[in-house]
Amino acid sequence: MSEERNAIPLIITGICSILGTVGALWWYGYLHFAKPEDALLLSDFTLLKTVPGEDYKVSLEPAAQVAQCIDGVLVMFDTEQKGLSGVLVNNKKKAVRCIGQETPQKLEP
């Protein structure tokens, strides 16, 4: 009854199971490895709807992103990571439009 078992196949099976699970989650889109280019995509933005007669609170400290209306689309720039910018989109990847600035028109001579 003092039979010794080899633990190496159990360890290899456990490691392969973990790698297989991570690979399957990545393949089907449940796991995403973030890159610096995805930083704005991963930031959370929430719309605070204003209702007459109700108060809402926001932080006095400004966000690290600033927005500008360019060609009728809201473009966001990150002030902490130089050169990082992107277009603000909804959950269906539709660009958020601006109405504060007229869309530039092509001038014909």
N, C-alpha and C. Protein backbone atom coordinates (compact mmCIF):
# COMPACT_ATOMS: atom_id res chain seq x y z
N MET A 1 0.79 -1.20 0.00
CA MET A 1 0.00 0.00 0.00
C MET A 1 0.84 1.27 0.00
N SER A 2 2.10 1.14 0.09
CA SER A 2 2.97 2.31 0.07
C SER A 2 3.41 2.61 -1.37
N GLU A 3 2.45 2.58 -2.25
CA GLU A 3 2.70 2.81 -3.66
C GLU A 3 2.87 4.31 -3.91
N GLU A 4 3.93 4.73 -4.60
CA GLU A 4 4.17 6.13 -4.88
C GLU A 4 3.59 6.49 -6.25
N ARG A 5 2.95 7.67 -6.31
CA ARG A 5 2.38 8.13 -7.58
C ARG A 5 3.27 9.21 -8.16
N ASN A 6 3.34 9.22 -9.46
CA ASN A 6 4.12 10.25 -10.15
C ASN A 6 3.25 11.50 -10.28
N ALA A 7 3.69 12.63 -9.72
CA ALA A 7 2.89 13.86 -9.71
C ALA A 7 3.05 14.68 -10.99
N ILE A 8 4.03 14.37 -11.80
CA ILE A 8 4.29 15.17 -13.00
C ILE A 8 3.10 15.15 -13.97
N PRO A 9 2.47 14.01 -14.27
CA PRO A 9 1.31 14.07 -15.17
C PRO A 9 0.15 14.89 -14.61
N LEU A 10 -0.05 14.89 -13.30
CA LEU A 10 -1.10 15.70 -12.70
C LEU A 10 -0.80 17.20 -12.84
N ILE A 11 0.44 17.57 -12.66
CA ILE A 11 0.84 18.98 -12.79
C ILE A 11 0.69 19.43 -14.24
N ILE A 12 1.12 18.61 -15.17
CA ILE A 12 1.01 18.94 -16.60
C ILE A 12 -0.47 19.06 -17.00
N THR A 13 -1.30 18.16 -16.51
CA THR A 13 -2.74 18.21 -16.81
C THR A 13 -3.35 19.50 -16.26
N GLY A 14 -2.99 19.90 -15.07
CA GLY A 14 -3.51 21.14 -14.47
C GLY A 14 -3.09 22.36 -15.27
N ILE A 15 -1.83 22.44 -15.66
CA ILE A 15 -1.33 23.58 -16.43
C ILE A 15 -2.02 23.64 -17.80
N CYS A 16 -2.15 22.48 -18.46
CA CYS A 16 -2.82 22.44 -19.76
C CYS A 16 -4.30 22.83 -19.65
N SER A 17 -4.95 22.44 -18.56
CA SER A 17 -6.35 22.80 -18.35
C SER A 17 -6.50 24.31 -18.19
N ILE A 18 -5.62 24.93 -17.44
CA ILE A 18 -5.67 26.38 -17.25
C ILE A 18 -5.41 27.10 -18.57
N LEU A 19 -4.38 26.67 -19.31
CA LEU A 19 -4.07 27.30 -20.59
C LEU A 19 -5.21 27.11 -21.59
N GLY A 20 -5.80 25.94 -21.60
CA GLY A 20 -6.93 25.68 -22.50
C GLY A 20 -8.14 26.54 -22.17
N THR A 21 -8.40 26.72 -20.87
CA THR A 21 -9.53 27.55 -20.45
C THR A 21 -9.30 29.01 -20.84
N VAL A 22 -8.10 29.52 -20.58
CA VAL A 22 -7.78 30.91 -20.94
C VAL A 22 -7.85 31.08 -22.46
N GLY A 23 -7.34 30.12 -23.21
CA GLY A 23 -7.40 30.19 -24.67
C GLY A 23 -8.83 30.20 -25.19
N ALA A 24 -9.69 29.36 -24.64
CA ALA A 24 -11.09 29.32 -25.07
C ALA A 24 -11.81 30.62 -24.73
N LEU A 25 -11.57 31.16 -23.55
CA LEU A 25 -12.19 32.44 -23.17
C LEU A 25 -11.74 33.56 -24.09
N TRP A 26 -10.46 33.57 -24.45
CA TRP A 26 -9.94 34.60 -25.36
C TRP A 26 -10.53 34.42 -26.76
N TRP A 27 -10.59 33.19 -27.25
CA TRP A 27 -11.10 32.90 -28.60
C TRP A 27 -12.55 33.37 -28.76
N TYR A 28 -13.39 33.16 -27.75
CA TYR A 28 -14.80 33.52 -27.83
C TYR A 28 -15.09 34.95 -27.38
N GLY A 29 -14.05 35.71 -27.03
CA GLY A 29 -14.23 37.12 -26.72
C GLY A 29 -14.58 37.45 -25.29
N TYR A 30 -14.51 36.48 -24.40
CA TYR A 30 -14.81 36.76 -22.99
C TYR A 30 -13.59 37.27 -22.24
N LEU A 31 -12.43 37.20 -22.87
CA LEU A 31 -11.19 37.65 -22.24
C LEU A 31 -10.49 38.58 -23.23
N HIS A 32 -10.11 39.75 -22.76
CA HIS A 32 -9.46 40.73 -23.63
C HIS A 32 -8.17 41.19 -22.97
N PHE A 33 -7.08 41.10 -23.69
CA PHE A 33 -5.80 41.59 -23.21
C PHE A 33 -5.66 43.04 -23.67
N ALA A 34 -5.68 43.97 -22.73
CA ALA A 34 -5.68 45.39 -23.05
C ALA A 34 -4.32 45.85 -23.55
N LYS A 35 -4.36 46.74 -24.53
CA LYS A 35 -3.16 47.38 -25.06
C LYS A 35 -3.27 48.87 -24.76
N PRO A 36 -2.18 49.60 -24.78
CA PRO A 36 -2.27 51.04 -24.51
C PRO A 36 -3.22 51.77 -25.46
N GLU A 37 -3.35 51.28 -26.70
CA GLU A 37 -4.25 51.92 -27.65
C GLU A 37 -5.72 51.78 -27.25
N ASP A 38 -6.04 50.79 -26.43
CA ASP A 38 -7.41 50.53 -26.02
C ASP A 38 -7.81 51.30 -24.76
N ALA A 39 -6.94 52.16 -24.26
CA ALA A 39 -7.18 52.78 -22.96
C ALA A 39 -8.48 53.59 -22.93
N LEU A 40 -8.75 54.36 -23.97
CA LEU A 40 -9.98 55.14 -23.96
C LEU A 40 -11.19 54.25 -24.14
N LEU A 41 -11.04 53.16 -24.88
CA LEU A 41 -12.15 52.24 -25.06
C LEU A 41 -12.52 51.60 -23.73
N LEU A 42 -11.55 51.39 -22.87
CA LEU A 42 -11.80 50.73 -21.60
C LEU A 42 -12.24 51.69 -20.50
N SER A 43 -12.17 52.99 -20.75
CA SER A 43 -12.63 53.94 -19.75
C SER A 43 -14.15 53.92 -19.69
N ASP A 44 -14.69 54.16 -18.52
CA ASP A 44 -16.13 54.17 -18.35
C ASP A 44 -16.67 55.59 -18.44
N PHE A 45 -17.67 55.77 -19.27
CA PHE A 45 -18.35 57.04 -19.38
C PHE A 45 -19.83 56.80 -19.14
N THR A 46 -20.45 57.67 -18.38
CA THR A 46 -21.85 57.53 -18.05
C THR A 46 -22.55 58.86 -18.33
N LEU A 47 -23.72 58.78 -18.89
CA LEU A 47 -24.52 59.97 -19.13
C LEU A 47 -25.36 60.25 -17.90
N LEU A 48 -25.23 61.45 -17.36
CA LEU A 48 -26.06 61.87 -16.24
C LEU A 48 -27.22 62.68 -16.81
N LYS A 49 -28.38 62.10 -16.82
CA LYS A 49 -29.56 62.77 -17.37
C LYS A 49 -30.04 63.80 -16.36
N THR A 50 -30.26 65.01 -16.84
CA THR A 50 -30.75 66.07 -15.97
C THR A 50 -32.27 66.06 -15.98
N VAL A 51 -32.82 66.00 -14.80
CA VAL A 51 -34.28 66.02 -14.63
C VAL A 51 -34.63 67.28 -13.86
N PRO A 52 -35.58 68.07 -14.37
CA PRO A 52 -35.94 69.31 -13.66
C PRO A 52 -36.38 69.02 -12.23
N GLY A 53 -35.83 69.77 -11.29
CA GLY A 53 -36.20 69.63 -9.89
C GLY A 53 -35.36 68.64 -9.11
N GLU A 54 -34.50 67.89 -9.80
CA GLU A 54 -33.64 66.91 -9.10
C GLU A 54 -32.20 67.38 -9.14
N ASP A 55 -31.50 67.16 -8.02
CA ASP A 55 -30.10 67.52 -7.94
C ASP A 55 -29.24 66.31 -8.30
N TYR A 56 -28.08 66.57 -8.84
CA TYR A 56 -27.12 65.51 -9.09
C TYR A 56 -25.75 66.04 -8.71
N LYS A 57 -24.87 65.14 -8.33
CA LYS A 57 -23.55 65.54 -7.85
C LYS A 57 -22.48 65.01 -8.80
N VAL A 58 -21.51 65.85 -9.09
CA VAL A 58 -20.35 65.46 -9.87
C VAL A 58 -19.10 65.91 -9.14
N SER A 59 -18.00 65.28 -9.42
CA SER A 59 -16.74 65.62 -8.78
C SER A 59 -16.25 66.98 -9.27
N LEU A 60 -15.62 67.72 -8.39
CA LEU A 60 -15.04 69.01 -8.77
C LEU A 60 -13.75 68.82 -9.57
N GLU A 61 -13.13 67.67 -9.41
CA GLU A 61 -11.89 67.37 -10.13
C GLU A 61 -12.24 66.96 -11.56
N PRO A 62 -11.64 67.62 -12.57
CA PRO A 62 -11.99 67.28 -13.95
C PRO A 62 -11.42 65.92 -14.38
N ALA A 63 -12.02 65.35 -15.40
CA ALA A 63 -11.56 64.07 -15.94
C ALA A 63 -10.25 64.27 -16.70
N ALA A 64 -9.57 63.17 -16.96
CA ALA A 64 -8.30 63.23 -17.69
C ALA A 64 -8.53 63.38 -19.19
N GLN A 65 -9.78 63.31 -19.63
CA GLN A 65 -10.06 63.43 -21.05
C GLN A 65 -10.76 64.76 -21.32
N VAL A 66 -10.50 65.29 -22.51
CA VAL A 66 -11.20 66.47 -22.99
C VAL A 66 -11.81 66.13 -24.34
N ALA A 67 -12.91 66.80 -24.67
CA ALA A 67 -13.60 66.51 -25.93
C ALA A 67 -13.64 67.74 -26.80
N GLN A 68 -13.63 67.50 -28.10
CA GLN A 68 -13.71 68.59 -29.06
C GLN A 68 -14.56 68.12 -30.24
N CYS A 69 -15.33 69.01 -30.78
CA CYS A 69 -16.17 68.68 -31.92
C CYS A 69 -15.36 68.89 -33.20
N ILE A 70 -15.10 67.81 -33.92
CA ILE A 70 -14.34 67.87 -35.16
C ILE A 70 -15.16 67.18 -36.24
N ASP A 71 -15.46 67.91 -37.30
CA ASP A 71 -16.26 67.39 -38.42
C ASP A 71 -17.59 66.82 -37.95
N GLY A 72 -18.19 67.41 -36.93
CA GLY A 72 -19.49 66.98 -36.45
C GLY A 72 -19.47 65.73 -35.59
N VAL A 73 -18.29 65.27 -35.20
CA VAL A 73 -18.14 64.07 -34.36
C VAL A 73 -17.39 64.46 -33.09
N LEU A 74 -17.80 63.93 -31.95
CA LEU A 74 -17.15 64.23 -30.68
C LEU A 74 -15.87 63.40 -30.55
N VAL A 75 -14.73 64.07 -30.58
CA VAL A 75 -13.43 63.42 -30.49
C VAL A 75 -12.87 63.70 -29.10
N MET A 76 -12.38 62.65 -28.44
CA MET A 76 -11.84 62.80 -27.09
C MET A 76 -10.32 62.65 -27.12
N PHE A 77 -9.67 63.48 -26.31
CA PHE A 77 -8.22 63.46 -26.18
C PHE A 77 -7.87 63.19 -24.73
N ASP A 78 -6.87 62.37 -24.49
CA ASP A 78 -6.42 62.07 -23.14
C ASP A 78 -5.30 63.03 -22.78
N THR A 79 -5.42 63.72 -21.66
CA THR A 79 -4.40 64.69 -21.26
C THR A 79 -3.23 64.05 -20.54
N GLU A 80 -3.38 62.80 -20.10
CA GLU A 80 -2.30 62.13 -19.38
C GLU A 80 -1.38 61.34 -20.32
N GLN A 81 -1.94 60.78 -21.39
CA GLN A 81 -1.13 60.01 -22.33
C GLN A 81 -1.07 60.77 -23.65
N LYS A 82 0.06 61.37 -23.93
CA LYS A 82 0.20 62.22 -25.10
C LYS A 82 -0.05 61.43 -26.38
N GLY A 83 -0.82 62.00 -27.26
CA GLY A 83 -1.09 61.38 -28.55
C GLY A 83 -2.24 60.39 -28.55
N LEU A 84 -2.83 60.12 -27.39
CA LEU A 84 -3.94 59.16 -27.33
C LEU A 84 -5.24 59.91 -27.52
N SER A 85 -5.96 59.55 -28.58
CA SER A 85 -7.24 60.18 -28.85
C SER A 85 -8.17 59.16 -29.47
N GLY A 86 -9.45 59.47 -29.49
CA GLY A 86 -10.40 58.55 -30.08
C GLY A 86 -11.76 59.22 -30.22
N VAL A 87 -12.63 58.55 -30.95
CA VAL A 87 -13.98 59.03 -31.18
C VAL A 87 -14.90 58.40 -30.14
N LEU A 88 -15.75 59.20 -29.53
CA LEU A 88 -16.69 58.67 -28.54
C LEU A 88 -17.82 57.96 -29.28
N VAL A 89 -18.04 56.69 -28.96
CA VAL A 89 -19.07 55.88 -29.60
C VAL A 89 -19.98 55.28 -28.54
N ASN A 90 -21.18 54.85 -28.97
CA ASN A 90 -22.07 54.16 -28.05
C ASN A 90 -21.79 52.66 -28.09
N ASN A 91 -22.63 51.87 -27.43
CA ASN A 91 -22.36 50.43 -27.34
C ASN A 91 -22.53 49.72 -28.68
N LYS A 92 -23.09 50.39 -29.69
CA LYS A 92 -23.23 49.79 -31.02
C LYS A 92 -22.21 50.35 -32.00
N LYS A 93 -21.16 50.99 -31.48
CA LYS A 93 -20.07 51.58 -32.25
C LYS A 93 -20.52 52.69 -33.19
N LYS A 94 -21.59 53.40 -32.81
CA LYS A 94 -22.05 54.56 -33.57
C LYS A 94 -21.45 55.81 -32.94
N ALA A 95 -20.87 56.67 -33.77
CA ALA A 95 -20.20 57.87 -33.28
C ALA A 95 -21.20 58.86 -32.68
N VAL A 96 -20.80 59.49 -31.58
CA VAL A 96 -21.61 60.53 -30.95
C VAL A 96 -21.39 61.81 -31.73
N ARG A 97 -22.47 62.41 -32.19
CA ARG A 97 -22.41 63.61 -33.02
C ARG A 97 -22.45 64.87 -32.16
N CYS A 98 -21.96 65.97 -32.72
CA CYS A 98 -21.97 67.27 -32.06
C CYS A 98 -22.96 68.19 -32.77
N ILE A 99 -23.64 69.00 -32.01
CA ILE A 99 -24.51 69.99 -32.62
C ILE A 99 -24.04 71.41 -32.29
N GLY A 100 -22.99 71.52 -31.49
CA GLY A 100 -22.49 72.84 -31.09
C GLY A 100 -21.67 73.50 -32.16
N GLN A 101 -21.21 72.75 -33.14
CA GLN A 101 -20.36 73.30 -34.18
C GLN A 101 -20.87 72.80 -35.52
N GLU A 102 -20.89 73.68 -36.47
CA GLU A 102 -21.34 73.28 -37.80
C GLU A 102 -20.32 72.34 -38.43
N THR A 103 -20.81 71.37 -39.17
CA THR A 103 -19.94 70.45 -39.88
C THR A 103 -19.28 71.21 -41.02
N PRO A 104 -17.96 71.16 -41.11
CA PRO A 104 -17.27 71.89 -42.19
C PRO A 104 -17.72 71.36 -43.55
N GLN A 105 -17.92 72.27 -44.47
CA GLN A 105 -18.31 71.90 -45.83
C GLN A 105 -17.12 72.11 -46.76
N LYS A 106 -17.05 71.30 -47.79
CA LYS A 106 -15.98 71.42 -48.76
C LYS A 106 -16.23 72.68 -49.60
N LEU A 107 -15.23 73.55 -49.63
CA LEU A 107 -15.35 74.78 -50.40
C LEU A 107 -14.95 74.53 -51.83
N GLU A 108 -15.78 74.98 -52.75
CA GLU A 108 -15.48 74.81 -54.16
C GLU A 108 -15.18 76.18 -54.75
N PRO A 109 -14.02 76.33 -55.42
CA PRO A 109 -13.64 77.65 -55.99
C PRO A 109 -14.43 78.01 -57.22
